[in-house]
Amino acid sequence: VQLQASGGGSVQAGESLRLSCQASGMIFSISGITWYRQAPGKQREFVAAITSGGGTNYVNSVKGRFTISRDNAKNSVNLHMNSLKPEDTAVYYCSAPWYGHTYWGKGTQVTVSS
């Protein structure tokens, strides 16, 4: 199983970014995908998740600003991030469970300046 996160970058507060998580080596359509982030000096935290059926969940701090979606035809999950704030600055990781293991992609850096 391989997960590849992409789409990070440096933006100004209030701008938007779209992160993508590309999966391979698994039956993507039956797996949930979760996004986490880790800011400098802080623990990794849950950001958003989407189930195989399309159900979604978000950490309170991003509700109304971030949207997670999936495209099973492309084996990918997107995280649309709007109205970005400096406190969203972090390395973002996607992860997925598969046969009892949790797989992680390499992170993608998001930097939001005020």
Protein backbone atom coordinates (compact mmCIF):
# COMPACT_ATOMS: atom_id res chain seq x y z
CA VAL A 1 0.00 0.00 0.00
CA GLN A 2 1.28 3.44 -0.91
CA LEU A 3 -0.24 6.80 -0.14
CA GLN A 4 1.04 9.97 -1.76
CA ALA A 5 -0.03 13.36 -0.44
CA SER A 6 0.40 16.43 -2.58
CA GLY A 7 -0.85 19.96 -3.08
CA GLY A 8 0.76 21.79 -0.21
CA GLY A 9 2.27 25.22 -0.53
CA SER A 10 2.64 28.69 0.93
CA VAL A 11 -0.37 30.98 0.90
CA GLN A 12 -1.70 34.11 2.58
CA ALA A 13 -4.39 33.97 5.23
CA GLY A 14 -7.82 33.71 3.65
CA GLU A 15 -6.61 31.86 0.58
CA SER A 16 -7.31 28.27 -0.41
CA LEU A 17 -5.43 25.08 -1.15
CA ARG A 18 -6.44 21.62 -2.27
CA LEU A 19 -4.55 18.64 -0.98
CA SER A 20 -4.76 15.26 -2.68
CA CYS A 21 -4.02 11.79 -1.38
CA GLN A 22 -3.36 9.22 -4.08
CA ALA A 23 -3.59 5.59 -3.02
CA SER A 24 -2.31 2.39 -4.61
CA GLY A 25 -1.95 -1.24 -3.64
CA MET A 26 -5.36 -1.46 -2.00
CA ILE A 27 -9.01 -1.68 -2.91
CA PHE A 28 -9.50 2.01 -2.46
CA SER A 29 -13.28 2.05 -2.70
CA ILE A 30 -13.72 0.06 0.51
CA SER A 31 -11.27 1.99 2.64
CA GLY A 32 -11.68 5.12 4.69
CA ILE A 33 -9.05 7.84 4.43
CA THR A 34 -8.03 10.22 7.18
CA TRP A 35 -6.07 13.46 7.06
CA TYR A 36 -3.87 14.48 9.98
CA ARG A 37 -1.56 17.41 10.48
CA GLN A 38 1.43 18.17 12.64
CA ALA A 39 2.55 21.68 13.43
CA PRO A 40 6.09 22.41 14.67
CA GLY A 41 6.44 21.43 18.30
CA LYS A 42 2.97 19.91 18.46
CA GLN A 43 1.52 16.44 18.32
CA ARG A 44 -0.06 15.10 15.19
CA GLU A 45 -3.78 15.84 15.20
CA PHE A 46 -6.84 14.58 13.36
CA VAL A 47 -8.16 16.94 10.69
CA ALA A 48 -10.79 15.16 8.60
CA ALA A 49 -11.89 11.70 7.57
CA ILE A 50 -14.08 10.14 4.93
CA THR A 51 -15.53 6.64 5.06
CA SER A 52 -15.89 4.24 2.17
CA GLY A 53 -19.53 5.29 1.95
CA GLY A 54 -18.70 9.00 1.82
CA GLY A 55 -19.47 9.88 5.41
CA THR A 56 -17.29 12.70 6.70
CA ASN A 57 -15.97 13.97 10.00
CA TYR A 58 -13.94 17.06 10.85
CA VAL A 59 -12.08 18.53 13.77
CA ASN A 60 -14.03 21.51 15.09
CA SER A 61 -11.35 24.02 14.12
CA VAL A 62 -11.79 23.33 10.40
CA LYS A 63 -15.54 22.79 10.18
CA GLY A 64 -17.08 25.08 7.60
CA ARG A 65 -13.69 25.78 6.01
CA PHE A 66 -12.37 22.37 4.93
CA THR A 67 -14.16 19.79 2.79
CA ILE A 68 -13.01 16.23 2.29
CA SER A 69 -14.15 14.30 -0.77
CA ARG A 70 -13.21 11.13 -2.59
CA ASP A 71 -12.96 10.02 -6.20
CA ASN A 72 -12.95 6.24 -6.26
CA ALA A 73 -12.33 6.19 -10.02
CA LYS A 74 -9.03 7.97 -9.41
CA ASN A 75 -8.18 6.28 -6.09
CA SER A 76 -7.85 9.69 -4.51
CA VAL A 77 -9.16 11.78 -1.66
CA ASN A 78 -9.08 15.55 -1.75
CA LEU A 79 -9.02 18.00 1.11
CA HIS A 80 -10.30 21.39 0.00
CA MET A 81 -9.08 24.03 2.44
CA ASN A 82 -10.68 27.45 2.30
CA SER A 83 -10.24 30.55 4.44
CA LEU A 84 -6.88 29.32 5.61
CA LYS A 85 -5.48 30.68 8.85
CA PRO A 86 -1.90 30.86 10.13
CA GLU A 87 -2.80 28.21 12.70
CA ASP A 88 -3.45 25.78 9.83
CA THR A 89 0.27 25.79 9.13
CA ALA A 90 1.50 22.21 9.45
CA VAL A 91 2.65 19.16 7.59
CA TYR A 92 -0.45 17.31 6.39
CA TYR A 93 -0.52 13.52 6.16
CA CYS A 94 -3.08 11.09 4.80
CA SER A 95 -3.52 7.64 6.25
CA ALA A 96 -5.58 4.53 5.61
CA PRO A 97 -6.19 1.25 7.39
CA TRP A 98 -5.71 -1.92 5.42
CA TYR A 99 -5.72 -5.47 6.73
CA GLY A 100 -4.95 -4.49 10.29
CA HIS A 101 -2.22 -1.97 9.47
CA THR A 102 -2.37 1.78 9.25
CA TYR A 103 -0.49 3.17 6.29
CA TRP A 104 0.81 6.71 6.07
CA GLY A 105 1.87 8.83 3.18
CA LYS A 106 4.71 11.28 3.28
CA GLY A 107 3.45 14.65 4.38
CA THR A 108 2.90 17.79 2.39
CA GLN A 109 3.74 21.17 3.92
CA VAL A 110 1.10 23.87 4.22
CA THR A 111 2.28 27.30 5.31
CA VAL A 112 -0.18 30.13 5.88
CA SER A 113 1.16 33.59 6.52
CA SER A 114 -0.78 36.48 7.98
